[in-house]
PDB file of N, CA and C in Angstrom:
ATOM      1  N   UNK A   1       0.840  -1.179   0.000  1.00  0.00           N
ATOM      2  CA  UNK A   1       0.000   0.000   0.000  1.00  0.00           C
ATOM      3  C   UNK A   1       0.883   1.240   0.000  1.00  0.00           C
ATOM      4  N   UNK A   2       0.339   2.286  -0.550  1.00  0.00           N
ATOM      5  CA  UNK A   2       1.049   3.560  -0.656  1.00  0.00           C
ATOM      6  C   UNK A   2       0.113   4.664  -0.183  1.00  0.00           C
ATOM      7  N   UNK A   3       0.694   5.727   0.370  1.00  0.00           N
ATOM      8  CA  UNK A   3      -0.100   6.888   0.781  1.00  0.00           C
ATOM      9  C   UNK A   3       0.365   8.110   0.011  1.00  0.00           C
ATOM     10  N   UNK A   4      -0.599   8.947  -0.341  1.00  0.00           N
ATOM     11  CA  UNK A   4      -0.301  10.206  -1.019  1.00  0.00           C
ATOM     12  C   UNK A   4      -1.211  11.289  -0.466  1.00  0.00           C
ATOM     13  N   UNK A   5      -0.683  12.507  -0.420  1.00  0.00           N
ATOM     14  CA  UNK A   5      -1.459  13.658   0.044  1.00  0.00           C
ATOM     15  C   UNK A   5      -1.592  14.626  -1.121  1.00  0.00           C
ATOM     16  N   UNK A   6      -2.801  15.127  -1.328  1.00  0.00           N
ATOM     17  CA  UNK A   6      -3.094  16.041  -2.418  1.00  0.00           C
ATOM     18  C   UNK A   6      -3.677  17.332  -1.870  1.00  0.00           C
ATOM     19  N   UNK A   7      -3.214  18.464  -2.374  1.00  0.00           N
ATOM     20  CA  UNK A   7      -3.782  19.767  -2.053  1.00  0.00           C
ATOM     21  C   UNK A   7      -5.036  19.930  -2.902  1.00  0.00           C
ATOM     22  N   UNK A   8      -6.140  20.302  -2.267  1.00  0.00           N
ATOM     23  CA  UNK A   8      -7.398  20.548  -2.977  1.00  0.00           C
ATOM     24  C   UNK A   8      -7.575  22.062  -3.047  1.00  0.00           C
ATOM     25  N   UNK A   9      -7.601  22.594  -4.253  1.00  0.00           N
ATOM     26  CA  UNK A   9      -7.528  24.041  -4.440  1.00  0.00           C
ATOM     27  C   UNK A   9      -8.869  24.768  -4.355  1.00  0.00           C
ATOM     28  N   UNK A  10      -9.977  24.079  -4.518  1.00  0.00           N
ATOM     29  CA  UNK A  10     -11.242  24.807  -4.603  1.00  0.00           C
ATOM     30  C   UNK A  10     -12.380  24.188  -3.800  1.00  0.00           C
ATOM     31  N   UNK A  11     -12.076  23.733  -2.596  1.00  0.00           N
ATOM     32  CA  UNK A  11     -13.144  23.272  -1.693  1.00  0.00           C
ATOM     33  C   UNK A  11     -13.765  24.501  -1.041  1.00  0.00           C
ATOM     34  N   UNK A  12     -15.083  24.482  -0.899  1.00  0.00           N
ATOM     35  CA  UNK A  12     -15.785  25.625  -0.314  1.00  0.00           C
ATOM     36  C   UNK A  12     -16.429  25.323   1.034  1.00  0.00           C
ATOM     37  N   UNK A  13     -16.569  24.017   1.355  1.00  0.00           N
ATOM     38  CA  UNK A  13     -17.261  23.650   2.594  1.00  0.00           C
ATOM     39  C   UNK A  13     -16.966  22.193   2.932  1.00  0.00           C
ATOM     40  N   UNK A  14     -17.461  21.747   4.068  1.00  0.00           N
ATOM     41  CA  UNK A  14     -17.233  20.358   4.463  1.00  0.00           C
ATOM     42  C   UNK A  14     -17.969  19.378   3.547  1.00  0.00           C
ATOM     43  N   UNK A  15     -19.049  19.809   2.927  1.00  0.00           N
ATOM     44  CA  UNK A  15     -19.741  18.943   1.971  1.00  0.00           C
ATOM     45  C   UNK A  15     -18.841  18.649   0.770  1.00  0.00           C
ATOM     46  N   UNK A  16     -18.014  19.602   0.390  1.00  0.00           N
ATOM     47  CA  UNK A  16     -17.050  19.371  -0.693  1.00  0.00           C
ATOM     48  C   UNK A  16     -16.099  18.232  -0.308  1.00  0.00           C
ATOM     49  N   UNK A  17     -15.621  18.262   0.928  1.00  0.00           N
ATOM     50  CA  UNK A  17     -14.724  17.214   1.410  1.00  0.00           C
ATOM     51  C   UNK A  17     -15.414  15.858   1.351  1.00  0.00           C
ATOM     52  N   UNK A  18     -16.672  15.804   1.729  1.00  0.00           N
ATOM     53  CA  UNK A  18     -17.422  14.548   1.678  1.00  0.00           C
ATOM     54  C   UNK A  18     -17.599  14.076   0.241  1.00  0.00           C
ATOM     55  N   UNK A  19     -17.823  15.001  -0.690  1.00  0.00           N
ATOM     56  CA  UNK A  19     -17.959  14.628  -2.103  1.00  0.00           C
ATOM     57  C   UNK A  19     -16.683  13.972  -2.620  1.00  0.00           C
ATOM     58  N   UNK A  20     -15.538  14.518  -2.247  1.00  0.00           N
ATOM     59  CA  UNK A  20     -14.254  13.952  -2.670  1.00  0.00           C
ATOM     60  C   UNK A  20     -14.090  12.555  -2.083  1.00  0.00           C
ATOM     61  N   UNK A  21     -14.385  12.413  -0.792  1.00  0.00           N
ATOM     62  CA  UNK A  21     -14.289  11.099  -0.152  1.00  0.00           C
ATOM     63  C   UNK A  21     -15.160  10.080  -0.869  1.00  0.00           C
ATOM     64  N   UNK A  22     -16.417  10.428  -1.140  1.00  0.00           N
ATOM     65  CA  UNK A  22     -17.335   9.500  -1.804  1.00  0.00           C
ATOM     66  C   UNK A  22     -16.836   9.113  -3.190  1.00  0.00           C
ATOM     67  N   UNK A  23     -16.309  10.069  -3.932  1.00  0.00           N
ATOM     68  CA  UNK A  23     -15.816   9.792  -5.282  1.00  0.00           C
ATOM     69  C   UNK A  23     -14.632   8.830  -5.245  1.00  0.00           C
ATOM     70  N   UNK A  24     -13.697   9.054  -4.327  1.00  0.00           N
ATOM     71  CA  UNK A  24     -12.485   8.242  -4.286  1.00  0.00           C
ATOM     72  C   UNK A  24     -12.702   6.874  -3.655  1.00  0.00           C
ATOM     73  N   UNK A  25     -13.585   6.781  -2.677  1.00  0.00           N
ATOM     74  CA  UNK A  25     -13.813   5.511  -1.987  1.00  0.00           C
ATOM     75  C   UNK A  25     -14.353   4.428  -2.905  1.00  0.00           C
ATOM     76  N   UNK A  26     -15.001   4.802  -3.984  1.00  0.00           N
ATOM     77  CA  UNK A  26     -15.594   3.831  -4.904  1.00  0.00           C
ATOM     78  C   UNK A  26     -14.618   3.307  -5.957  1.00  0.00           C
ATOM     79  N   UNK A  27     -13.391   3.799  -5.945  1.00  0.00           N
ATOM     80  CA  UNK A  27     -12.422   3.409  -6.964  1.00  0.00           C
ATOM     81  C   UNK A  27     -11.676   2.152  -6.521  1.00  0.00           C
ATOM     82  N   UNK A  28     -11.585   1.179  -7.425  1.00  0.00           N
ATOM     83  CA  UNK A  28     -10.842  -0.040  -7.125  1.00  0.00           C
ATOM     84  C   UNK A  28      -9.385   0.304  -6.841  1.00  0.00           C
ATOM     85  N   UNK A  29      -8.874  -0.200  -5.753  1.00  0.00           N
ATOM     86  CA  UNK A  29      -7.483   0.039  -5.365  1.00  0.00           C
ATOM     87  C   UNK A  29      -7.328   1.079  -4.280  1.00  0.00           C
ATOM     88  N   UNK A  30      -8.370   1.878  -4.042  1.00  0.00           N
ATOM     89  CA  UNK A  30      -8.325   2.869  -2.970  1.00  0.00           C
ATOM     90  C   UNK A  30      -8.795   2.198  -1.690  1.00  0.00           C
ATOM     91  N   UNK A  31      -7.920   2.207  -0.680  1.00  0.00           N
ATOM     92  CA  UNK A  31      -8.263   1.570   0.594  1.00  0.00           C
ATOM     93  C   UNK A  31      -8.911   2.554   1.558  1.00  0.00           C
ATOM     94  N   UNK A  32      -8.334   3.764   1.659  1.00  0.00           N
ATOM     95  CA  UNK A  32      -8.841   4.734   2.626  1.00  0.00           C
ATOM     96  C   UNK A  32      -8.638   6.148   2.107  1.00  0.00           C
ATOM     97  N   UNK A  33      -9.603   7.025   2.417  1.00  0.00           N
ATOM     98  CA  UNK A  33      -9.539   8.431   2.026  1.00  0.00           C
ATOM     99  C   UNK A  33      -9.877   9.277   3.240  1.00  0.00           C
ATOM    100  N   UNK A  34      -9.079  10.307   3.469  1.00  0.00           N
ATOM    101  CA  UNK A  34      -9.350  11.264   4.543  1.00  0.00           C
ATOM    102  C   UNK A  34      -9.195  12.664   3.964  1.00  0.00           C
ATOM    103  N   UNK A  35     -10.296  13.334   3.709  1.00  0.00           N
ATOM    104  CA  UNK A  35     -10.250  14.694   3.188  1.00  0.00           C
ATOM    105  C   UNK A  35     -10.509  15.656   4.333  1.00  0.00           C
ATOM    106  N   UNK A  36      -9.649  16.669   4.446  1.00  0.00           N
ATOM    107  CA  UNK A  36      -9.736  17.646   5.524  1.00  0.00           C
ATOM    108  C   UNK A  36     -10.005  19.018   4.917  1.00  0.00           C
ATOM    109  N   UNK A  37     -11.212  19.537   5.158  1.00  0.00           N
ATOM    110  CA  UNK A  37     -11.579  20.847   4.608  1.00  0.00           C
ATOM    111  C   UNK A  37     -10.693  21.957   5.157  1.00  0.00           C
ATOM    112  N   UNK A  38     -10.422  21.958   6.452  1.00  0.00           N
ATOM    113  CA  UNK A  38      -9.626  23.022   7.079  1.00  0.00           C
ATOM    114  C   UNK A  38      -8.213  23.088   6.512  1.00  0.00           C
ATOM    115  N   UNK A  39      -7.643  21.936   6.192  1.00  0.00           N
ATOM    116  CA  UNK A  39      -6.286  21.894   5.624  1.00  0.00           C
ATOM    117  C   UNK A  39      -6.295  21.968   4.097  1.00  0.00           C
ATOM    118  N   UNK A  40      -7.468  21.846   3.509  1.00  0.00           N
ATOM    119  CA  UNK A  40      -7.630  21.846   2.051  1.00  0.00           C
ATOM    120  C   UNK A  40      -6.777  20.763   1.406  1.00  0.00           C
ATOM    121  N   UNK A  41      -6.871  19.562   1.981  1.00  0.00           N
ATOM    122  CA  UNK A  41      -6.113  18.455   1.415  1.00  0.00           C
ATOM    123  C   UNK A  41      -6.816  17.129   1.663  1.00  0.00           C
ATOM    124  N   UNK A  42      -6.402  16.139   0.875  1.00  0.00           N
ATOM    125  CA  UNK A  42      -6.920  14.788   1.046  1.00  0.00           C
ATOM    126  C   UNK A  42      -5.758  13.819   1.080  1.00  0.00           C
ATOM    127  N   UNK A  43      -5.852  12.842   1.958  1.00  0.00           N
ATOM    128  CA  UNK A  43      -4.852  11.787   2.067  1.00  0.00           C
ATOM    129  C   UNK A  43      -5.484  10.499   1.579  1.00  0.00           C
ATOM    130  N   UNK A  44      -4.789   9.819   0.680  1.00  0.00           N
ATOM    131  CA  UNK A  44      -5.325   8.608   0.070  1.00  0.00           C
ATOM    132  C   UNK A  44      -4.346   7.460   0.284  1.00  0.00           C
ATOM    133  N   UNK A  45      -4.859   6.361   0.825  1.00  0.00           N
ATOM    134  CA  UNK A  45      -4.080   5.126   0.907  1.00  0.00           C
ATOM    135  C   UNK A  45      -4.585   4.221  -0.204  1.00  0.00           C
ATOM    136  N   UNK A  46      -3.657   3.726  -1.032  1.00  0.00           N
ATOM    137  CA  UNK A  46      -4.078   2.978  -2.212  1.00  0.00           C
ATOM    138  C   UNK A  46      -3.068   1.910  -2.590  1.00  0.00           C
ATOM    139  N   UNK A  47      -3.536   0.992  -3.423  1.00  0.00           N
ATOM    140  CA  UNK A  47      -2.695  -0.074  -3.946  1.00  0.00           C
ATOM    141  C   UNK A  47      -2.108   0.407  -5.278  1.00  0.00           C
ATOM    142  N   UNK A  48      -0.793   0.633  -5.338  1.00  0.00           N
ATOM    143  CA  UNK A  48      -0.194   1.156  -6.577  1.00  0.00           C
ATOM    144  C   UNK A  48      -0.227   0.170  -7.743  1.00  0.00           C
ATOM    145  N   UNK A  49      -0.561  -1.082  -7.478  1.00  0.00           N
ATOM    146  CA  UNK A  49      -0.711  -2.051  -8.562  1.00  0.00           C
ATOM    147  C   UNK A  49      -2.051  -1.894  -9.283  1.00  0.00           C
ATOM    148  N   UNK A  50      -2.994  -1.200  -8.635  1.00  0.00           N
ATOM    149  CA  UNK A  50      -4.329  -1.047  -9.215  1.00  0.00           C
ATOM    150  C   UNK A  50      -4.650   0.379  -9.648  1.00  0.00           C
ATOM    151  N   UNK A  51      -4.005   1.363  -9.033  1.00  0.00           N
ATOM    152  CA  UNK A  51      -4.301   2.770  -9.331  1.00  0.00           C
ATOM    153  C   UNK A  51      -3.039   3.598  -9.072  1.00  0.00           C
ATOM    154  N   UNK A  52      -2.937   4.745  -9.754  1.00  0.00           N
ATOM    155  CA  UNK A  52      -1.793   5.627  -9.535  1.00  0.00           C
ATOM    156  C   UNK A  52      -2.275   7.039  -9.197  1.00  0.00           C
ATOM    157  N   UNK A  53      -1.321   7.910  -8.874  1.00  0.00           N
ATOM    158  CA  UNK A  53      -1.676   9.273  -8.471  1.00  0.00           C
ATOM    159  C   UNK A  53      -2.393  10.037  -9.567  1.00  0.00           C
ATOM    160  N   UNK A  54      -2.022   9.798 -10.804  1.00  0.00           N
ATOM    161  CA  UNK A  54      -2.677  10.486 -11.923  1.00  0.00           C
ATOM    162  C   UNK A  54      -4.167  10.144 -11.978  1.00  0.00           C
ATOM    163  N   UNK A  55      -4.502   8.885 -11.764  1.00  0.00           N
ATOM    164  CA  UNK A  55      -5.909   8.475 -11.780  1.00  0.00           C
ATOM    165  C   UNK A  55      -6.666   9.045 -10.582  1.00  0.00           C
ATOM    166  N   UNK A  56      -5.978   9.178  -9.447  1.00  0.00           N
ATOM    167  CA  UNK A  56      -6.608   9.789  -8.271  1.00  0.00           C
ATOM    168  C   UNK A  56      -6.912  11.253  -8.561  1.00  0.00           C
ATOM    169  N   UNK A  57      -5.961  11.961  -9.156  1.00  0.00           N
ATOM    170  CA  UNK A  57      -6.170  13.364  -9.512  1.00  0.00           C
ATOM    171  C   UNK A  57      -7.326  13.488 -10.506  1.00  0.00           C
ATOM    172  N   UNK A  58      -7.406  12.568 -11.460  1.00  0.00           N
ATOM    173  CA  UNK A  58      -8.515  12.576 -12.429  1.00  0.00           C
ATOM    174  C   UNK A  58      -9.854  12.371 -11.731  1.00  0.00           C
ATOM    175  N   UNK A  59      -9.895  11.498 -10.727  1.00  0.00           N
ATOM    176  CA  UNK A  59     -11.137  11.249  -9.991  1.00  0.00           C
ATOM    177  C   UNK A  59     -11.543  12.480  -9.185  1.00  0.00           C
ATOM    178  N   UNK A  60     -10.570  13.167  -8.610  1.00  0.00           N
ATOM    179  CA  UNK A  60     -10.859  14.404  -7.872  1.00  0.00           C
ATOM    180  C   UNK A  60     -11.416  15.452  -8.832  1.00  0.00           C
ATOM    181  N   UNK A  61     -10.837  15.523 -10.021  1.00  0.00           N
ATOM    182  CA  UNK A  61     -11.324  16.453 -11.039  1.00  0.00           C
ATOM    183  C   UNK A  61     -12.750  16.086 -11.459  1.00  0.00           C
ATOM    184  N   UNK A  62     -13.028  14.788 -11.589  1.00  0.00           N
ATOM    185  CA  UNK A  62     -14.372  14.325 -11.947  1.00  0.00           C
ATOM    186  C   UNK A  62     -15.388  14.753 -10.886  1.00  0.00           C
ATOM    187  N   UNK A  63     -14.944  14.809  -9.627  1.00  0.00           N
ATOM    188  CA  UNK A  63     -15.826  15.242  -8.537  1.00  0.00           C
ATOM    189  C   UNK A  63     -16.041  16.752  -8.556  1.00  0.00           C
ATOM    190  N   UNK A  64     -15.240  17.470  -9.376  1.00  0.00           N
ATOM    191  CA  UNK A  64     -15.438  18.911  -9.522  1.00  0.00           C
ATOM    192  C   UNK A  64     -14.384  19.784  -8.852  1.00  0.00           C
ATOM    193  N   UNK A  65     -13.231  19.193  -8.521  1.00  0.00           N
ATOM    194  CA  UNK A  65     -12.206  19.942  -7.778  1.00  0.00           C
ATOM    195  C   UNK A  65     -10.850  19.821  -8.458  1.00  0.00           C
ATOM    196  N   UNK A  66      -9.991  20.790  -8.196  1.00  0.00           N
ATOM    197  CA  UNK A  66      -8.636  20.796  -8.726  1.00  0.00           C
ATOM    198  C   UNK A  66      -7.694  20.362  -7.623  1.00  0.00           C
ATOM    199  N   UNK A  67      -6.721  19.533  -7.965  1.00  0.00           N
ATOM    200  CA  UNK A  67      -5.776  19.067  -6.953  1.00  0.00           C
ATOM    201  C   UNK A  67      -4.366  18.981  -7.506  1.00  0.00           C
ATOM    202  N   UNK A  68      -3.414  19.030  -6.584  1.00  0.00           N
ATOM    203  CA  UNK A  68      -2.012  18.834  -6.911  1.00  0.00           C
ATOM    204  C   UNK A  68      -1.402  17.942  -5.836  1.00  0.00           C
ATOM    205  N   UNK A  69      -0.487  17.068  -6.215  1.00  0.00           N
ATOM    206  CA  UNK A  69       0.133  16.199  -5.218  1.00  0.00           C
ATOM    207  C   UNK A  69       1.055  16.987  -4.294  1.00  0.00           C
ATOM    208  N   UNK A  70       1.027  16.670  -2.997  1.00  0.00           N
ATOM    209  CA  UNK A  70       1.908  17.289  -2.012  1.00  0.00           C
ATOM    210  C   UNK A  70       3.059  16.365  -1.643  1.00  0.00           C
ATOM    211  N   UNK A  71       2.722  15.120  -1.281  1.00  0.00           N
ATOM    212  CA  UNK A  71       3.749  14.143  -0.925  1.00  0.00           C
ATOM    213  C   UNK A  71       3.175  12.743  -1.047  1.00  0.00           C
ATOM    214  N   UNK A  72       4.084  11.788  -1.159  1.00  0.00           N
ATOM    215  CA  UNK A  72       3.660  10.382  -1.192  1.00  0.00           C
ATOM    216  C   UNK A  72       4.746   9.525  -0.584  1.00  0.00           C
ATOM    217  N   UNK A  73       4.347   8.347  -0.140  1.00  0.00           N
ATOM    218  CA  UNK A  73       5.309   7.375   0.375  1.00  0.00           C
ATOM    219  C   UNK A  73       4.788   5.969   0.170  1.00  0.00           C
TER     220      UNK A  73
END
């Protein structure tokens, strides 16, 4: 498993954070998502054999938000 943190540039409320969580949780390979509205970021634990950071960013964009990677391990 791998973890990555993404900066979310255009969240407006806690409902936005929940929308991101719901979008990412349904993706095969994503184990856990924690989106924090106050920090304007989301942390994703995922299986790199099934999904990569680019696909996570695409899913965040599909949910209606812009993101950039901050760190991963």
